[in-house]
PDB file of N, CA and C in Angstrom:
ATOM      1  N   MET A   1      -8.258  15.814-121.476  1.00  0.00           N
ATOM      2  CA  MET A   1      -7.869  16.065-122.847  1.00  0.00           C
ATOM      3  C   MET A   1      -6.760  17.113-122.837  1.00  0.00           C
ATOM      4  N   ARG A   2      -5.807  16.886-123.679  1.00  0.00           N
ATOM      5  CA  ARG A   2      -4.701  17.829-123.787  1.00  0.00           C
ATOM      6  C   ARG A   2      -4.658  18.355-125.214  1.00  0.00           C
ATOM      7  N   ILE A   3      -4.552  19.659-125.339  1.00  0.00           N
ATOM      8  CA  ILE A   3      -4.492  20.283-126.656  1.00  0.00           C
ATOM      9  C   ILE A   3      -3.094  20.837-126.847  1.00  0.00           C
ATOM     10  N   GLU A   4      -2.473  20.441-127.935  1.00  0.00           N
ATOM     11  CA  GLU A   4      -1.145  20.943-128.242  1.00  0.00           C
ATOM     12  C   GLU A   4      -1.264  22.184-129.122  1.00  0.00           C
ATOM     13  N   VAL A   5      -0.516  23.202-128.780  1.00  0.00           N
ATOM     14  CA  VAL A   5      -0.512  24.426-129.584  1.00  0.00           C
ATOM     15  C   VAL A   5       0.926  24.802-129.897  1.00  0.00           C
ATOM     16  N   ASP A   6       1.133  25.355-131.080  1.00  0.00           N
ATOM     17  CA  ASP A   6       2.464  25.817-131.436  1.00  0.00           C
ATOM     18  C   ASP A   6       2.675  27.215-130.847  1.00  0.00           C
ATOM     19  N   GLU A   7       3.871  27.750-131.010  1.00  0.00           N
ATOM     20  CA  GLU A   7       4.197  29.045-130.405  1.00  0.00           C
ATOM     21  C   GLU A   7       3.336  30.171-130.948  1.00  0.00           C
ATOM     22  N   ASP A   8       3.074  30.150-132.253  1.00  0.00           N
ATOM     23  CA  ASP A   8       2.262  31.197-132.880  1.00  0.00           C
ATOM     24  C   ASP A   8       0.847  31.197-132.311  1.00  0.00           C
ATOM     25  N   LEU A   9       0.262  30.019-132.213  1.00  0.00           N
ATOM     26  CA  LEU A   9      -1.091  29.905-131.664  1.00  0.00           C
ATOM     27  C   LEU A   9      -1.119  30.285-130.188  1.00  0.00           C
ATOM     28  N   GLU A  10      -0.095  29.918-129.471  1.00  0.00           N
ATOM     29  CA  GLU A  10      -0.027  30.275-128.056  1.00  0.00           C
ATOM     30  C   GLU A  10       0.014  31.794-127.879  1.00  0.00           C
ATOM     31  N   LYS A  11       0.759  32.491-128.727  1.00  0.00           N
ATOM     32  CA  LYS A  11       0.822  33.949-128.659  1.00  0.00           C
ATOM     33  C   LYS A  11      -0.558  34.559-128.940  1.00  0.00           C
ATOM     34  N   LYS A  12      -1.252  34.001-129.937  1.00  0.00           N
ATOM     35  CA  LYS A  12      -2.585  34.503-130.258  1.00  0.00           C
ATOM     36  C   LYS A  12      -3.563  34.257-129.113  1.00  0.00           C
ATOM     37  N   LEU A  13      -3.474  33.090-128.492  1.00  0.00           N
ATOM     38  CA  LEU A  13      -4.346  32.790-127.345  1.00  0.00           C
ATOM     39  C   LEU A  13      -4.057  33.725-126.177  1.00  0.00           C
ATOM     40  N   GLU A  14      -2.787  33.984-125.921  1.00  0.00           N
ATOM     41  CA  GLU A  14      -2.416  34.902-124.837  1.00  0.00           C
ATOM     42  C   GLU A  14      -2.926  36.310-125.132  1.00  0.00           C
ATOM     43  N   ALA A  15      -2.820  36.741-126.388  1.00  0.00           N
ATOM     44  CA  ALA A  15      -3.318  38.065-126.766  1.00  0.00           C
ATOM     45  C   ALA A  15      -4.823  38.139-126.576  1.00  0.00           C
ATOM     46  N   LEU A  16      -5.517  37.084-126.951  1.00  0.00           N
ATOM     47  CA  LEU A  16      -6.966  37.039-126.778  1.00  0.00           C
ATOM     48  C   LEU A  16      -7.327  37.106-125.297  1.00  0.00           C
ATOM     49  N   LYS A  17      -6.612  36.365-124.461  1.00  0.00           N
ATOM     50  CA  LYS A  17      -6.876  36.374-123.023  1.00  0.00           C
ATOM     51  C   LYS A  17      -6.680  37.768-122.434  1.00  0.00           C
ATOM     52  N   SER A  18      -5.615  38.438-122.841  1.00  0.00           N
ATOM     53  CA  SER A  18      -5.351  39.766-122.269  1.00  0.00           C
ATOM     54  C   SER A  18      -6.335  40.798-122.807  1.00  0.00           C
ATOM     55  N   LYS A  19      -6.758  40.648-124.054  1.00  0.00           N
ATOM     56  CA  LYS A  19      -7.700  41.602-124.653  1.00  0.00           C
ATOM     57  C   LYS A  19      -9.094  41.458-124.053  1.00  0.00           C
ATOM     58  N   LYS A  20      -9.516  40.238-123.807  1.00  0.00           N
ATOM     59  CA  LYS A  20     -10.875  39.983-123.304  1.00  0.00           C
ATOM     60  C   LYS A  20     -10.927  39.894-121.780  1.00  0.00           C
ATOM     61  N   TRP A  21      -9.836  40.054-121.120  1.00  0.00           N
ATOM     62  CA  TRP A  21      -9.757  40.104-119.664  1.00  0.00           C
ATOM     63  C   TRP A  21     -10.340  38.867-118.987  1.00  0.00           C
ATOM     64  N   PHE A  22      -9.903  37.717-119.406  1.00  0.00           N
ATOM     65  CA  PHE A  22     -10.266  36.508-118.682  1.00  0.00           C
ATOM     66  C   PHE A  22      -9.012  35.678-118.505  1.00  0.00           C
ATOM     67  N   GLY A  23      -9.048  34.827-117.522  1.00  0.00           N
ATOM     68  CA  GLY A  23      -7.875  34.017-117.240  1.00  0.00           C
ATOM     69  C   GLY A  23      -8.293  32.679-116.677  1.00  0.00           C
ATOM     70  N   GLY A  24      -7.333  31.877-116.389  1.00  0.00           N
ATOM     71  CA  GLY A  24      -7.610  30.564-115.845  1.00  0.00           C
ATOM     72  C   GLY A  24      -6.370  29.708-115.959  1.00  0.00           C
ATOM     73  N   LYS A  25      -6.520  28.498-115.514  1.00  0.00           N
ATOM     74  CA  LYS A  25      -5.399  27.573-115.552  1.00  0.00           C
ATOM     75  C   LYS A  25      -5.136  27.176-116.999  1.00  0.00           C
ATOM     76  N   GLY A  26      -3.937  27.420-117.465  1.00  0.00           N
ATOM     77  CA  GLY A  26      -3.596  27.098-118.843  1.00  0.00           C
ATOM     78  C   GLY A  26      -4.474  27.880-119.796  1.00  0.00           C
ATOM     79  N   HIS A  27      -4.959  27.207-120.806  1.00  0.00           N
ATOM     80  CA  HIS A  27      -5.807  27.857-121.787  1.00  0.00           C
ATOM     81  C   HIS A  27      -7.248  27.375-121.677  1.00  0.00           C
ATOM     82  N   THR A  28      -7.602  26.793-120.547  1.00  0.00           N
ATOM     83  CA  THR A  28      -8.956  26.278-120.365  1.00  0.00           C
ATOM     84  C   THR A  28      -9.992  27.374-120.534  1.00  0.00           C
ATOM     85  N   GLU A  29      -9.791  28.513-119.898  1.00  0.00           N
ATOM     86  CA  GLU A  29     -10.754  29.609-119.997  1.00  0.00           C
ATOM     87  C   GLU A  29     -10.791  30.198-121.406  1.00  0.00           C
ATOM     88  N   THR A  30      -9.645  30.190-122.090  1.00  0.00           N
ATOM     89  CA  THR A  30      -9.610  30.671-123.467  1.00  0.00           C
ATOM     90  C   THR A  30     -10.456  29.774-124.349  1.00  0.00           C
ATOM     91  N   ILE A  31     -10.288  28.479-124.217  1.00  0.00           N
ATOM     92  CA  ILE A  31     -11.071  27.521-125.002  1.00  0.00           C
ATOM     93  C   ILE A  31     -12.551  27.665-124.677  1.00  0.00           C
ATOM     94  N   ARG A  32     -12.871  27.829-123.405  1.00  0.00           N
ATOM     95  CA  ARG A  32     -14.277  28.019-122.999  1.00  0.00           C
ATOM     96  C   ARG A  32     -14.855  29.278-123.649  1.00  0.00           C
ATOM     97  N   PHE A  33     -14.095  30.361-123.627  1.00  0.00           N
ATOM     98  CA  PHE A  33     -14.528  31.609-124.248  1.00  0.00           C
ATOM     99  C   PHE A  33     -14.782  31.414-125.740  1.00  0.00           C
ATOM    100  N   LEU A  34     -13.846  30.757-126.422  1.00  0.00           N
ATOM    101  CA  LEU A  34     -13.979  30.541-127.864  1.00  0.00           C
ATOM    102  C   LEU A  34     -15.197  29.681-128.199  1.00  0.00           C
ATOM    103  N   ILE A  35     -15.440  28.652-127.410  1.00  0.00           N
ATOM    104  CA  ILE A  35     -16.605  27.795-127.641  1.00  0.00           C
ATOM    105  C   ILE A  35     -17.885  28.574-127.388  1.00  0.00           C
ATOM    106  N   ASP A  36     -17.949  29.330-126.303  1.00  0.00           N
ATOM    107  CA  ASP A  36     -19.136  30.149-126.019  1.00  0.00           C
ATOM    108  C   ASP A  36     -19.376  31.152-127.137  1.00  0.00           C
ATOM    109  N   HIS A  37     -18.303  31.784-127.599  1.00  0.00           N
ATOM    110  CA  HIS A  37     -18.414  32.762-128.683  1.00  0.00           C
ATOM    111  C   HIS A  37     -18.946  32.092-129.947  1.00  0.00           C
ATOM    112  N   TYR A  38     -18.416  30.931-130.271  1.00  0.00           N
ATOM    113  CA  TYR A  38     -18.864  30.204-131.463  1.00  0.00           C
ATOM    114  C   TYR A  38     -20.342  29.843-131.353  1.00  0.00           C
ATOM    115  N   GLU A  39     -20.755  29.350-130.207  1.00  0.00           N
ATOM    116  CA  GLU A  39     -22.156  28.955-130.031  1.00  0.00           C
ATOM    117  C   GLU A  39     -23.090  30.155-130.141  1.00  0.00           C
ATOM    118  N   GLN A  40     -22.668  31.309-129.649  1.00  0.00           N
ATOM    119  CA  GLN A  40     -23.503  32.507-129.727  1.00  0.00           C
ATOM    120  C   GLN A  40     -23.579  33.045-131.146  1.00  0.00           C
ATOM    121  N   THR A  41     -22.462  33.067-131.851  1.00  0.00           N
ATOM    122  CA  THR A  41     -22.459  33.634-133.197  1.00  0.00           C
ATOM    123  C   THR A  41     -23.015  32.677-134.231  1.00  0.00           C
ATOM    124  N   GLN A  42     -23.068  31.400-133.918  1.00  0.00           N
ATOM    125  CA  GLN A  42     -23.597  30.430-134.864  1.00  0.00           C
ATOM    126  C   GLN A  42     -25.052  30.738-135.194  1.00  0.00           C
ATOM    127  N   SER A  43     -25.850  31.106-134.193  1.00  0.00           N
ATOM    128  CA  SER A  43     -27.251  31.425-134.441  1.00  0.00           C
ATOM    129  C   SER A  43     -27.374  32.716-135.259  1.00  0.00           C
ATOM    130  N   ILE A  44     -26.475  33.653-135.049  1.00  0.00           N
ATOM    131  CA  ILE A  44     -26.480  34.895-135.829  1.00  0.00           C
ATOM    132  C   ILE A  44     -26.162  34.584-137.288  1.00  0.00           C
ATOM    133  N   GLU A  45     -25.200  33.705-137.513  1.00  0.00           N
ATOM    134  CA  GLU A  45     -24.837  33.331-138.879  1.00  0.00           C
ATOM    135  C   GLU A  45     -26.009  32.668-139.595  1.00  0.00           C
ATOM    136  N   LYS A  46     -26.764  31.832-138.885  1.00  0.00           N
ATOM    137  CA  LYS A  46     -27.934  31.186-139.487  1.00  0.00           C
ATOM    138  C   LYS A  46     -28.979  32.229-139.874  1.00  0.00           C
ATOM    139  N   LEU A  47     -29.194  33.212-139.014  1.00  0.00           N
ATOM    140  CA  LEU A  47     -30.162  34.269-139.300  1.00  0.00           C
ATOM    141  C   LEU A  47     -29.732  35.074-140.521  1.00  0.00           C
ATOM    142  N   ILE A  48     -28.475  35.427-140.598  1.00  0.00           N
ATOM    143  CA  ILE A  48     -27.956  36.167-141.747  1.00  0.00           C
ATOM    144  C   ILE A  48     -28.128  35.345-143.019  1.00  0.00           C
ATOM    145  N   GLU A  49     -27.822  34.070-142.940  1.00  0.00           N
ATOM    146  CA  GLU A  49     -27.957  33.194-144.099  1.00  0.00           C
ATOM    147  C   GLU A  49     -29.411  33.132-144.573  1.00  0.00           C
ATOM    148  N   GLN A  50     -30.352  33.057-143.635  1.00  0.00           N
ATOM    149  CA  GLN A  50     -31.774  33.029-143.990  1.00  0.00           C
ATOM    150  C   GLN A  50     -32.183  34.331-144.675  1.00  0.00           C
ATOM    151  N   LYS A  51     -31.754  35.445-144.127  1.00  0.00           N
ATOM    152  CA  LYS A  51     -32.112  36.740-144.702  1.00  0.00           C
ATOM    153  C   LYS A  51     -31.495  36.915-146.083  1.00  0.00           C
ATOM    154  N   LEU A  52     -30.250  36.506-146.248  1.00  0.00           N
ATOM    155  CA  LEU A  52     -29.577  36.655-147.536  1.00  0.00           C
ATOM    156  C   LEU A  52     -30.185  35.751-148.604  1.00  0.00           C
ATOM    157  N   SER A  53     -30.745  34.630-148.185  1.00  0.00           N
ATOM    158  CA  SER A  53     -31.348  33.732-149.168  1.00  0.00           C
ATOM    159  C   SER A  53     -32.592  34.352-149.793  1.00  0.00           C
ATOM    160  N   ASN A  54     -33.188  35.339-149.142  1.00  0.00           N
ATOM    161  CA  ASN A  54     -34.389  36.002-149.657  1.00  0.00           C
ATOM    162  C   ASN A  54     -34.086  37.280-150.434  1.00  0.00           C
ATOM    163  N   VAL A  55     -32.841  37.679-150.508  1.00  0.00           N
ATOM    164  CA  VAL A  55     -32.482  38.936-151.159  1.00  0.00           C
ATOM    165  C   VAL A  55     -32.861  38.918-152.639  1.00  0.00           C
ATOM    166  N   ASP A  56     -32.503  37.871-153.360  1.00  0.00           N
ATOM    167  CA  ASP A  56     -32.816  37.795-154.793  1.00  0.00           C
ATOM    168  C   ASP A  56     -34.316  37.909-155.036  1.00  0.00           C
ATOM    169  N   LYS A  57     -35.086  37.190-154.259  1.00  0.00           N
ATOM    170  CA  LYS A  57     -36.550  37.213-154.412  1.00  0.00           C
ATOM    171  C   LYS A  57     -37.095  38.613-154.129  1.00  0.00           C
ATOM    172  N   THR A  58     -36.610  39.253-153.088  1.00  0.00           N
ATOM    173  CA  THR A  58     -37.059  40.589-152.714  1.00  0.00           C
ATOM    174  C   THR A  58     -36.724  41.605-153.805  1.00  0.00           C
ATOM    175  N   ILE A  59     -35.514  41.537-154.345  1.00  0.00           N
ATOM    176  CA  ILE A  59     -35.106  42.457-155.411  1.00  0.00           C
ATOM    177  C   ILE A  59     -35.973  42.241-156.648  1.00  0.00           C
ATOM    178  N   GLU A  60     -36.183  40.984-157.014  1.00  0.00           N
ATOM    179  CA  GLU A  60     -36.992  40.676-158.191  1.00  0.00           C
ATOM    180  C   GLU A  60     -38.414  41.208-158.032  1.00  0.00           C
ATOM    181  N   GLU A  61     -39.015  40.987-156.862  1.00  0.00           N
ATOM    182  CA  GLU A  61     -40.371  41.478-156.607  1.00  0.00           C
ATOM    183  C   GLU A  61     -40.414  43.011-156.655  1.00  0.00           C
ATOM    184  N   SER A  62     -39.408  43.651-156.112  1.00  0.00           N
ATOM    185  CA  SER A  62     -39.366  45.120-156.105  1.00  0.00           C
ATOM    186  C   SER A  62     -39.248  45.683-157.512  1.00  0.00           C
ATOM    187  N   ILE A  63     -38.416  45.072-158.315  1.00  0.00           N
ATOM    188  CA  ILE A  63     -38.259  45.533-159.698  1.00  0.00           C
ATOM    189  C   ILE A  63     -39.561  45.360-160.463  1.00  0.00           C
ATOM    190  N   LEU A  64     -40.206  44.207-160.303  1.00  0.00           N
ATOM    191  CA  LEU A  64     -41.477  43.973-160.986  1.00  0.00           C
ATOM    192  C   LEU A  64     -42.549  44.976-160.543  1.00  0.00           C
ATOM    193  N   LYS A  65     -42.616  45.261-159.251  1.00  0.00           N
ATOM    194  CA  LYS A  65     -43.580  46.250-158.752  1.00  0.00           C
ATOM    195  C   LYS A  65     -43.273  47.632-159.327  1.00  0.00           C
ATOM    196  N   GLY A  66     -41.979  47.958-159.419  1.00  0.00           N
ATOM    197  CA  GLY A  66     -41.579  49.251-159.979  1.00  0.00           C
ATOM    198  C   GLY A  66     -41.972  49.383-161.443  1.00  0.00           C
ATOM    199  N   PHE A  67     -41.702  48.354-162.235  1.00  0.00           N
ATOM    200  CA  PHE A  67     -42.093  48.369-163.654  1.00  0.00           C
ATOM    201  C   PHE A  67     -43.605  48.450-163.797  1.00  0.00           C
ATOM    202  N   LYS A  68     -44.329  47.719-162.951  1.00  0.00           N
ATOM    203  CA  LYS A  68     -45.793  47.738-162.994  1.00  0.00           C
ATOM    204  C   LYS A  68     -46.315  49.151-162.745  1.00  0.00           C
ATOM    205  N   LYS A  69     -45.707  49.821-161.764  1.00  0.00           N
ATOM    206  CA  LYS A  69     -46.137  51.177-161.431  1.00  0.00           C
ATOM    207  C   LYS A  69     -45.822  52.148-162.572  1.00  0.00           C
ATOM    208  N   VAL A  70     -44.647  51.998-163.173  1.00  0.00           N
ATOM    209  CA  VAL A  70     -44.262  52.859-164.295  1.00  0.00           C
ATOM    210  C   VAL A  70     -45.249  52.676-165.447  1.00  0.00           C
ATOM    211  N   ILE A  71     -45.559  51.443-165.788  1.00  0.00           N
ATOM    212  CA  ILE A  71     -46.499  51.164-166.885  1.00  0.00           C
ATOM    213  C   ILE A  71     -47.883  51.705-166.565  1.00  0.00           C
ATOM    214  N   GLN A  72     -48.334  51.535-165.325  1.00  0.00           N
ATOM    215  CA  GLN A  72     -49.636  52.071-164.916  1.00  0.00           C
ATOM    216  C   GLN A  72     -49.648  53.604-165.038  1.00  0.00           C
ATOM    217  N   ASN A  73     -48.565  54.231-164.668  1.00  0.00           N
ATOM    218  CA  ASN A  73     -48.464  55.689-164.758  1.00  0.00           C
ATOM    219  C   ASN A  73     -48.469  56.154-166.216  1.00  0.00           C
ATOM    220  N   ILE A  74     -47.807  55.413-167.085  1.00  0.00           N
ATOM    221  CA  ILE A  74     -47.787  55.765-168.511  1.00  0.00           C
ATOM    222  C   ILE A  74     -49.174  55.597-169.100  1.00  0.00           C
ATOM    223  N   ILE A  75     -49.819  54.480-168.823  1.00  0.00           N
ATOM    224  CA  ILE A  75     -51.155  54.199-169.377  1.00  0.00           C
ATOM    225  C   ILE A  75     -52.196  55.135-168.769  1.00  0.00           C
ATOM    226  N   GLY A  76     -52.099  55.368-167.488  1.00  0.00           N
ATOM    227  CA  GLY A  76     -53.094  56.187-166.796  1.00  0.00           C
ATOM    228  C   GLY A  76     -52.794  57.672-166.869  1.00  0.00           C
ATOM    229  N   GLY A  77     -51.787  58.087-167.551  1.00  0.00           N
ATOM    230  CA  GLY A  77     -51.479  59.500-167.679  1.00  0.00           C
ATOM    231  C   GLY A  77     -50.856  60.101-166.442  1.00  0.00           C
ATOM    232  N   GLY A  78     -50.207  59.277-165.630  1.00  0.00           N
ATOM    233  CA  GLY A  78     -49.503  59.786-164.452  1.00  0.00           C
ATOM    234  C   GLY A  78     -50.371  59.938-163.222  1.00  0.00           C
ATOM    235  N   GLN A  79     -51.484  59.239-163.198  1.00  0.00           N
ATOM    236  CA  GLN A  79     -52.398  59.361-162.051  1.00  0.00           C
ATOM    237  C   GLN A  79     -51.885  58.614-160.873  1.00  0.00           C
TER     238      GLN A  79
END
């Protein structure tokens, strides 16, 4: 398989190679690095998405618990 890159993309790939200290024939190692990076961060993104999906529910439950406690304190005289 041959991947065509324009000059701008080639400069970015070269910068990435020099920054991450890897090399290889052509851009094969760069592509390998990018794929490995994507596969590793993909699972992190899924975890973040799962946690963020529960934020609304957590906030709502916390607010309700807070109001419940305030009302209990008012009715119970601050006990």
